[in-house]
Amino acid sequence: MATVKQFQVTFDCAEPERVARFWCEVLGYVVPPPPPGFESWQAFDASLPPEEQGRAYACVDPEGVGPRLFFQRVPEGKVVKNRVHLDVRVGSGLVGDERVAVLETECARLEALGASRQRLLLADGFNESCLVMQDVEGNEFCLD
């Protein structure tokens, strides 16, 4: 049985580049270099048939540690809650008011990028506090 060494997380979306650039800002990721023979992703995109242009975009961890995120255009809009979501770990090791303050600070930064706050879930004796948000296309994620 093969051992999985890497994986990518794929997002269905309407505007792949917009959503990818949002997540680059959230996670400190970067857009990978364009394919060989192209100066930019725009040049590569322009080489595709019109119906394929803008269909996908990606971002990667510049350190090569985190998974690649891939964004693909789909015709249908988001209808229900995601079955999988990202937890952005900004409060690791913190508890109580200190943790909530860090979550709130990051929430404000991400709202300025186009994210929307959904609800703060306070610590319940089993789970620490987290903040549920949505990205620029309504995909849920948590500040944890």
N, C-alpha and C. Protein backbone atom coordinates (compact mmCIF):
# COMPACT_ATOMS: atom_id res chain seq x y z
N MET A 1 0.84 -1.17 0.00
CA MET A 1 0.00 0.00 0.00
C MET A 1 0.89 1.25 0.00
N ALA A 2 0.62 2.16 -0.91
CA ALA A 2 1.42 3.38 -1.02
C ALA A 2 1.09 4.34 0.12
N THR A 3 2.10 5.06 0.56
CA THR A 3 1.91 6.09 1.57
C THR A 3 1.69 7.43 0.86
N VAL A 4 0.66 8.14 1.27
CA VAL A 4 0.37 9.45 0.67
C VAL A 4 1.38 10.44 1.23
N LYS A 5 2.06 11.14 0.35
CA LYS A 5 3.07 12.12 0.76
C LYS A 5 2.53 13.54 0.69
N GLN A 6 1.65 13.81 -0.28
CA GLN A 6 1.11 15.14 -0.47
C GLN A 6 -0.36 15.04 -0.82
N PHE A 7 -1.07 16.13 -0.60
CA PHE A 7 -2.45 16.22 -1.06
C PHE A 7 -2.74 17.68 -1.36
N GLN A 8 -3.77 17.91 -2.13
CA GLN A 8 -4.22 19.28 -2.36
C GLN A 8 -5.67 19.37 -1.96
N VAL A 9 -6.09 20.56 -1.61
CA VAL A 9 -7.48 20.83 -1.28
C VAL A 9 -8.06 21.59 -2.46
N THR A 10 -9.18 21.09 -3.00
CA THR A 10 -9.80 21.68 -4.18
C THR A 10 -11.10 22.38 -3.81
N PHE A 11 -11.24 23.60 -4.30
CA PHE A 11 -12.44 24.41 -4.07
C PHE A 11 -13.19 24.54 -5.39
N ASP A 12 -14.48 24.27 -5.40
CA ASP A 12 -15.34 24.62 -6.52
C ASP A 12 -15.75 26.08 -6.31
N CYS A 13 -15.70 26.88 -7.36
CA CYS A 13 -16.03 28.29 -7.19
C CYS A 13 -16.40 28.92 -8.53
N ALA A 14 -16.85 30.15 -8.49
CA ALA A 14 -17.22 30.89 -9.70
C ALA A 14 -16.04 31.67 -10.25
N GLU A 15 -15.19 32.21 -9.37
CA GLU A 15 -14.06 33.05 -9.78
C GLU A 15 -12.77 32.51 -9.17
N PRO A 16 -12.13 31.52 -9.81
CA PRO A 16 -10.96 30.87 -9.23
C PRO A 16 -9.83 31.81 -8.83
N GLU A 17 -9.48 32.76 -9.67
CA GLU A 17 -8.36 33.64 -9.31
C GLU A 17 -8.70 34.49 -8.09
N ARG A 18 -9.88 35.03 -8.04
CA ARG A 18 -10.30 35.87 -6.90
C ARG A 18 -10.24 35.09 -5.59
N VAL A 19 -10.77 33.87 -5.60
CA VAL A 19 -10.79 33.07 -4.37
C VAL A 19 -9.37 32.63 -4.01
N ALA A 20 -8.57 32.26 -5.00
CA ALA A 20 -7.18 31.87 -4.73
C ALA A 20 -6.39 33.01 -4.11
N ARG A 21 -6.54 34.20 -4.65
CA ARG A 21 -5.80 35.35 -4.12
C ARG A 21 -6.25 35.69 -2.69
N PHE A 22 -7.53 35.50 -2.39
CA PHE A 22 -8.01 35.67 -1.01
C PHE A 22 -7.27 34.71 -0.08
N TRP A 23 -7.21 33.42 -0.45
CA TRP A 23 -6.57 32.43 0.41
C TRP A 23 -5.06 32.63 0.49
N CYS A 24 -4.44 33.17 -0.56
CA CYS A 24 -3.02 33.54 -0.47
C CYS A 24 -2.82 34.53 0.67
N GLU A 25 -3.69 35.53 0.75
CA GLU A 25 -3.58 36.54 1.81
C GLU A 25 -3.87 35.95 3.18
N VAL A 26 -4.85 35.07 3.27
CA VAL A 26 -5.20 34.47 4.57
C VAL A 26 -4.04 33.65 5.11
N LEU A 27 -3.45 32.82 4.25
CA LEU A 27 -2.48 31.83 4.71
C LEU A 27 -1.02 32.20 4.46
N GLY A 28 -0.76 33.31 3.78
CA GLY A 28 0.62 33.63 3.43
C GLY A 28 1.14 32.76 2.30
N TYR A 29 0.22 32.20 1.51
CA TYR A 29 0.58 31.38 0.36
C TYR A 29 0.94 32.28 -0.82
N VAL A 30 1.46 31.68 -1.87
CA VAL A 30 1.83 32.40 -3.08
C VAL A 30 1.26 31.68 -4.30
N VAL A 31 1.17 32.41 -5.39
CA VAL A 31 0.78 31.80 -6.67
C VAL A 31 2.03 31.14 -7.23
N PRO A 32 1.94 29.87 -7.65
CA PRO A 32 3.14 29.20 -8.19
C PRO A 32 3.56 29.82 -9.52
N PRO A 33 4.79 29.55 -9.96
CA PRO A 33 5.23 30.08 -11.25
C PRO A 33 4.36 29.55 -12.39
N PRO A 34 4.22 30.33 -13.47
CA PRO A 34 3.45 29.85 -14.62
C PRO A 34 4.15 28.67 -15.30
N PRO A 35 3.43 27.95 -16.16
CA PRO A 35 4.05 26.82 -16.86
C PRO A 35 5.25 27.28 -17.70
N PRO A 36 6.19 26.37 -17.97
CA PRO A 36 7.34 26.72 -18.81
C PRO A 36 6.89 27.29 -20.16
N GLY A 37 7.59 28.32 -20.59
CA GLY A 37 7.27 28.96 -21.86
C GLY A 37 6.33 30.14 -21.75
N PHE A 38 5.86 30.44 -20.53
CA PHE A 38 4.93 31.55 -20.33
C PHE A 38 5.51 32.50 -19.29
N GLU A 39 5.44 33.80 -19.59
CA GLU A 39 5.94 34.82 -18.66
C GLU A 39 5.03 35.00 -17.46
N SER A 40 3.75 34.73 -17.64
CA SER A 40 2.77 34.97 -16.57
C SER A 40 1.60 34.01 -16.73
N TRP A 41 0.79 33.94 -15.67
CA TRP A 41 -0.44 33.14 -15.75
C TRP A 41 -1.42 33.78 -16.74
N GLN A 42 -1.39 35.11 -16.86
CA GLN A 42 -2.26 35.79 -17.81
C GLN A 42 -1.91 35.37 -19.24
N ALA A 43 -0.61 35.27 -19.54
CA ALA A 43 -0.17 34.83 -20.87
C ALA A 43 -0.60 33.39 -21.11
N PHE A 44 -0.44 32.54 -20.10
CA PHE A 44 -0.87 31.15 -20.24
C PHE A 44 -2.38 31.09 -20.50
N ASP A 45 -3.13 31.84 -19.70
CA ASP A 45 -4.59 31.85 -19.81
C ASP A 45 -5.03 32.31 -21.21
N ALA A 46 -4.36 33.31 -21.74
CA ALA A 46 -4.69 33.84 -23.07
C ALA A 46 -4.43 32.81 -24.17
N SER A 47 -3.57 31.83 -23.89
CA SER A 47 -3.26 30.80 -24.90
C SER A 47 -4.34 29.71 -24.97
N LEU A 48 -5.25 29.70 -24.01
CA LEU A 48 -6.30 28.68 -23.95
C LEU A 48 -7.49 29.09 -24.79
N PRO A 49 -8.31 28.12 -25.21
CA PRO A 49 -9.56 28.47 -25.88
C PRO A 49 -10.41 29.33 -24.95
N PRO A 50 -11.22 30.22 -25.49
CA PRO A 50 -12.02 31.14 -24.65
C PRO A 50 -12.81 30.45 -23.54
N GLU A 51 -13.39 29.29 -23.83
CA GLU A 51 -14.20 28.61 -22.81
C GLU A 51 -13.37 28.04 -21.66
N GLU A 52 -12.06 27.92 -21.85
CA GLU A 52 -11.17 27.40 -20.81
C GLU A 52 -10.48 28.50 -20.02
N GLN A 53 -10.52 29.72 -20.50
CA GLN A 53 -9.82 30.82 -19.83
C GLN A 53 -10.46 31.10 -18.48
N GLY A 54 -9.62 31.28 -17.48
CA GLY A 54 -10.09 31.58 -16.12
C GLY A 54 -10.71 30.41 -15.40
N ARG A 55 -10.53 29.21 -15.89
CA ARG A 55 -11.21 28.04 -15.30
C ARG A 55 -10.56 27.51 -14.04
N ALA A 56 -9.28 27.87 -13.80
CA ALA A 56 -8.61 27.32 -12.62
C ALA A 56 -7.49 28.25 -12.17
N TYR A 57 -7.14 28.11 -10.89
CA TYR A 57 -6.05 28.87 -10.30
C TYR A 57 -5.57 28.09 -9.09
N ALA A 58 -4.36 28.33 -8.65
CA ALA A 58 -3.84 27.60 -7.50
C ALA A 58 -2.99 28.52 -6.64
N CYS A 59 -2.76 28.09 -5.41
CA CYS A 59 -1.79 28.75 -4.56
C CYS A 59 -1.09 27.70 -3.72
N VAL A 60 0.15 28.02 -3.33
CA VAL A 60 0.98 27.05 -2.63
C VAL A 60 1.67 27.70 -1.43
N ASP A 61 2.03 26.87 -0.50
CA ASP A 61 2.81 27.30 0.66
C ASP A 61 4.23 27.58 0.19
N PRO A 62 4.74 28.79 0.38
CA PRO A 62 6.09 29.10 -0.10
C PRO A 62 7.18 28.26 0.58
N GLU A 63 6.86 27.70 1.75
CA GLU A 63 7.81 26.83 2.46
C GLU A 63 7.70 25.37 1.99
N GLY A 64 6.66 25.07 1.20
CA GLY A 64 6.49 23.70 0.71
C GLY A 64 5.95 22.73 1.74
N VAL A 65 5.42 23.23 2.84
CA VAL A 65 4.94 22.36 3.92
C VAL A 65 3.45 22.09 3.81
N GLY A 66 2.65 23.15 3.65
CA GLY A 66 1.20 23.01 3.61
C GLY A 66 0.72 22.48 2.26
N PRO A 67 -0.52 22.05 2.20
CA PRO A 67 -1.04 21.51 0.95
C PRO A 67 -1.26 22.60 -0.10
N ARG A 68 -1.19 22.20 -1.35
CA ARG A 68 -1.54 23.08 -2.46
C ARG A 68 -3.06 23.28 -2.43
N LEU A 69 -3.50 24.50 -2.70
CA LEU A 69 -4.93 24.78 -2.82
C LEU A 69 -5.23 25.02 -4.29
N PHE A 70 -6.25 24.33 -4.79
CA PHE A 70 -6.62 24.41 -6.20
C PHE A 70 -8.06 24.90 -6.29
N PHE A 71 -8.31 25.84 -7.18
CA PHE A 71 -9.62 26.47 -7.32
C PHE A 71 -10.10 26.26 -8.74
N GLN A 72 -11.26 25.63 -8.89
CA GLN A 72 -11.77 25.32 -10.23
C GLN A 72 -13.16 25.90 -10.41
N ARG A 73 -13.36 26.48 -11.58
CA ARG A 73 -14.66 27.08 -11.89
C ARG A 73 -15.67 25.97 -12.16
N VAL A 74 -16.83 26.11 -11.55
CA VAL A 74 -17.94 25.20 -11.80
C VAL A 74 -19.16 26.05 -12.14
N PRO A 75 -20.10 25.49 -12.91
CA PRO A 75 -21.24 26.30 -13.35
C PRO A 75 -22.27 26.60 -12.25
N GLU A 76 -22.39 25.71 -11.27
CA GLU A 76 -23.41 25.91 -10.25
C GLU A 76 -22.85 26.68 -9.07
N GLY A 77 -23.70 27.44 -8.42
CA GLY A 77 -23.31 28.19 -7.24
C GLY A 77 -23.36 27.32 -5.99
N LYS A 78 -22.80 27.82 -4.92
CA LYS A 78 -22.84 27.13 -3.64
C LYS A 78 -24.27 27.15 -3.12
N VAL A 79 -24.76 26.00 -2.67
CA VAL A 79 -26.15 25.90 -2.25
C VAL A 79 -26.27 25.60 -0.75
N VAL A 80 -25.42 24.72 -0.24
CA VAL A 80 -25.50 24.31 1.16
C VAL A 80 -24.13 24.42 1.82
N LYS A 81 -24.09 24.15 3.11
CA LYS A 81 -22.86 24.20 3.88
C LYS A 81 -21.82 23.23 3.29
N ASN A 82 -20.55 23.66 3.34
CA ASN A 82 -19.45 22.77 2.91
C ASN A 82 -19.46 21.50 3.75
N ARG A 83 -19.05 20.40 3.15
CA ARG A 83 -18.86 19.16 3.90
C ARG A 83 -17.44 19.09 4.46
N VAL A 84 -16.52 19.84 3.88
CA VAL A 84 -15.13 19.94 4.35
C VAL A 84 -14.81 21.42 4.44
N HIS A 85 -14.08 21.79 5.47
CA HIS A 85 -13.67 23.20 5.57
C HIS A 85 -12.27 23.29 6.16
N LEU A 86 -11.64 24.43 5.99
CA LEU A 86 -10.33 24.67 6.56
C LEU A 86 -10.47 25.29 7.94
N ASP A 87 -9.61 24.88 8.86
CA ASP A 87 -9.46 25.54 10.15
C ASP A 87 -8.15 26.30 10.09
N VAL A 88 -8.22 27.61 10.19
CA VAL A 88 -7.03 28.46 10.15
C VAL A 88 -6.59 28.63 11.60
N ARG A 89 -5.45 28.02 11.94
CA ARG A 89 -5.01 27.89 13.33
C ARG A 89 -4.26 29.13 13.80
N VAL A 90 -4.98 30.15 14.24
CA VAL A 90 -4.35 31.38 14.71
C VAL A 90 -4.30 31.47 16.24
N GLY A 91 -5.06 30.61 16.93
CA GLY A 91 -5.12 30.70 18.38
C GLY A 91 -4.52 29.50 19.09
N SER A 92 -3.72 28.71 18.39
CA SER A 92 -3.14 27.50 19.00
C SER A 92 -2.42 27.81 20.30
N GLY A 93 -2.74 27.04 21.33
CA GLY A 93 -2.08 27.20 22.62
C GLY A 93 -2.67 28.28 23.52
N LEU A 94 -3.59 29.07 22.98
CA LEU A 94 -4.20 30.14 23.76
C LEU A 94 -5.56 29.70 24.28
N VAL A 95 -5.98 30.26 25.41
CA VAL A 95 -7.27 29.93 26.00
C VAL A 95 -7.96 31.20 26.48
N GLY A 96 -9.24 31.09 26.72
CA GLY A 96 -10.00 32.17 27.32
C GLY A 96 -10.00 33.46 26.52
N ASP A 97 -9.97 34.57 27.24
CA ASP A 97 -10.05 35.90 26.61
C ASP A 97 -8.89 36.16 25.67
N GLU A 98 -7.71 35.64 26.01
CA GLU A 98 -6.54 35.84 25.15
C GLU A 98 -6.77 35.19 23.78
N ARG A 99 -7.33 34.00 23.77
CA ARG A 99 -7.63 33.31 22.52
C ARG A 99 -8.68 34.07 21.71
N VAL A 100 -9.75 34.48 22.37
CA VAL A 100 -10.82 35.20 21.68
C VAL A 100 -10.29 36.50 21.09
N ALA A 101 -9.42 37.19 21.79
CA ALA A 101 -8.85 38.44 21.28
C ALA A 101 -8.05 38.19 20.00
N VAL A 102 -7.28 37.12 19.95
CA VAL A 102 -6.51 36.78 18.74
C VAL A 102 -7.46 36.42 17.60
N LEU A 103 -8.51 35.66 17.89
CA LEU A 103 -9.49 35.31 16.86
C LEU A 103 -10.16 36.56 16.31
N GLU A 104 -10.54 37.47 17.19
CA GLU A 104 -11.21 38.71 16.77
C GLU A 104 -10.29 39.59 15.92
N THR A 105 -9.02 39.66 16.28
CA THR A 105 -8.06 40.45 15.50
C THR A 105 -7.91 39.88 14.10
N GLU A 106 -7.78 38.57 14.01
CA GLU A 106 -7.65 37.94 12.68
C GLU A 106 -8.94 38.07 11.89
N CYS A 107 -10.07 37.97 12.56
CA CYS A 107 -11.37 38.15 11.91
C CYS A 107 -11.44 39.52 11.25
N ALA A 108 -11.04 40.56 11.97
CA ALA A 108 -11.07 41.91 11.41
C ALA A 108 -10.17 42.02 10.17
N ARG A 109 -8.99 41.40 10.21
CA ARG A 109 -8.09 41.42 9.06
C ARG A 109 -8.73 40.75 7.86
N LEU A 110 -9.36 39.60 8.09
CA LEU A 110 -9.95 38.85 6.99
C LEU A 110 -11.22 39.50 6.46
N GLU A 111 -11.98 40.16 7.32
CA GLU A 111 -13.15 40.91 6.84
C GLU A 111 -12.71 42.02 5.88
N ALA A 112 -11.58 42.63 6.14
CA ALA A 112 -11.06 43.67 5.24
C ALA A 112 -10.68 43.09 3.87
N LEU A 113 -10.42 41.77 3.82
CA LEU A 113 -10.10 41.10 2.56
C LEU A 113 -11.35 40.59 1.84
N GLY A 114 -12.52 40.70 2.49
CA GLY A 114 -13.76 40.27 1.86
C GLY A 114 -14.44 39.09 2.53
N ALA A 115 -13.84 38.56 3.60
CA ALA A 115 -14.48 37.46 4.33
C ALA A 115 -15.65 38.01 5.13
N SER A 116 -16.53 37.11 5.57
CA SER A 116 -17.62 37.54 6.43
C SER A 116 -17.68 36.67 7.68
N ARG A 117 -17.91 37.34 8.79
CA ARG A 117 -18.03 36.68 10.08
C ARG A 117 -19.41 36.02 10.17
N GLN A 118 -19.45 34.80 10.69
CA GLN A 118 -20.71 34.10 10.88
C GLN A 118 -21.09 34.05 12.35
N ARG A 119 -20.22 33.46 13.17
CA ARG A 119 -20.54 33.37 14.60
C ARG A 119 -19.30 32.96 15.40
N LEU A 120 -19.26 33.45 16.62
CA LEU A 120 -18.22 33.08 17.57
C LEU A 120 -18.75 31.94 18.42
N LEU A 121 -18.03 30.85 18.47
CA LEU A 121 -18.39 29.71 19.33
C LEU A 121 -17.44 29.75 20.53
N LEU A 122 -17.98 30.04 21.69
CA LEU A 122 -17.14 30.16 22.89
C LEU A 122 -16.80 28.78 23.46
N ALA A 123 -15.68 28.72 24.18
CA ALA A 123 -15.23 27.48 24.80
C ALA A 123 -16.35 26.87 25.63
N ASP A 124 -16.45 25.54 25.56
CA ASP A 124 -17.54 24.87 26.25
C ASP A 124 -17.07 23.82 27.27
N GLY A 125 -15.81 23.86 27.64
CA GLY A 125 -15.27 22.87 28.57
C GLY A 125 -14.65 21.68 27.86
N PHE A 126 -14.97 21.50 26.59
CA PHE A 126 -14.38 20.42 25.79
C PHE A 126 -13.61 21.02 24.62
N ASN A 127 -14.23 21.95 23.91
CA ASN A 127 -13.60 22.63 22.77
C ASN A 127 -13.24 24.06 23.16
N GLU A 128 -12.13 24.53 22.63
CA GLU A 128 -11.76 25.93 22.82
C GLU A 128 -12.60 26.80 21.88
N SER A 129 -12.57 28.08 22.10
CA SER A 129 -13.33 29.02 21.26
C SER A 129 -12.83 28.98 19.82
N CYS A 130 -13.75 29.19 18.89
CA CYS A 130 -13.40 29.34 17.48
C CYS A 130 -14.40 30.31 16.85
N LEU A 131 -14.01 30.82 15.69
CA LEU A 131 -14.85 31.81 15.02
C LEU A 131 -15.16 31.28 13.62
N VAL A 132 -16.42 31.10 13.31
CA VAL A 132 -16.84 30.59 12.00
C VAL A 132 -16.97 31.78 11.04
N MET A 133 -16.37 31.62 9.85
CA MET A 133 -16.38 32.68 8.85
C MET A 133 -16.71 32.10 7.49
N GLN A 134 -16.86 32.98 6.50
CA GLN A 134 -17.01 32.58 5.11
C GLN A 134 -16.03 33.37 4.26
N ASP A 135 -15.48 32.70 3.24
CA ASP A 135 -14.56 33.38 2.33
C ASP A 135 -15.34 34.25 1.35
N VAL A 136 -14.66 34.77 0.34
CA VAL A 136 -15.26 35.72 -0.59
C VAL A 136 -16.38 35.12 -1.45
N GLU A 137 -16.50 33.79 -1.49
CA GLU A 137 -17.61 33.16 -2.22
C GLU A 137 -18.54 32.38 -1.32
N GLY A 138 -18.42 32.59 0.00
CA GLY A 138 -19.35 31.96 0.91
C GLY A 138 -18.94 30.59 1.44
N ASN A 139 -17.71 30.14 1.16
CA ASN A 139 -17.24 28.86 1.70
C ASN A 139 -16.88 29.03 3.17
N GLU A 140 -17.43 28.17 4.02
CA GLU A 140 -17.18 28.27 5.44
C GLU A 140 -15.75 27.86 5.77
N PHE A 141 -15.20 28.52 6.77
CA PHE A 141 -13.93 28.13 7.37
C PHE A 141 -13.95 28.61 8.82
N CYS A 142 -13.04 28.10 9.62
CA CYS A 142 -12.99 28.50 11.02
C CYS A 142 -11.65 29.13 11.35
N LEU A 143 -11.69 30.15 12.19
CA LEU A 143 -10.49 30.63 12.87
C LEU A 143 -10.46 29.85 14.17
N ASP A 144 -9.40 29.11 14.37
CA ASP A 144 -9.31 28.16 15.46
C ASP A 144 -8.10 28.48 16.32
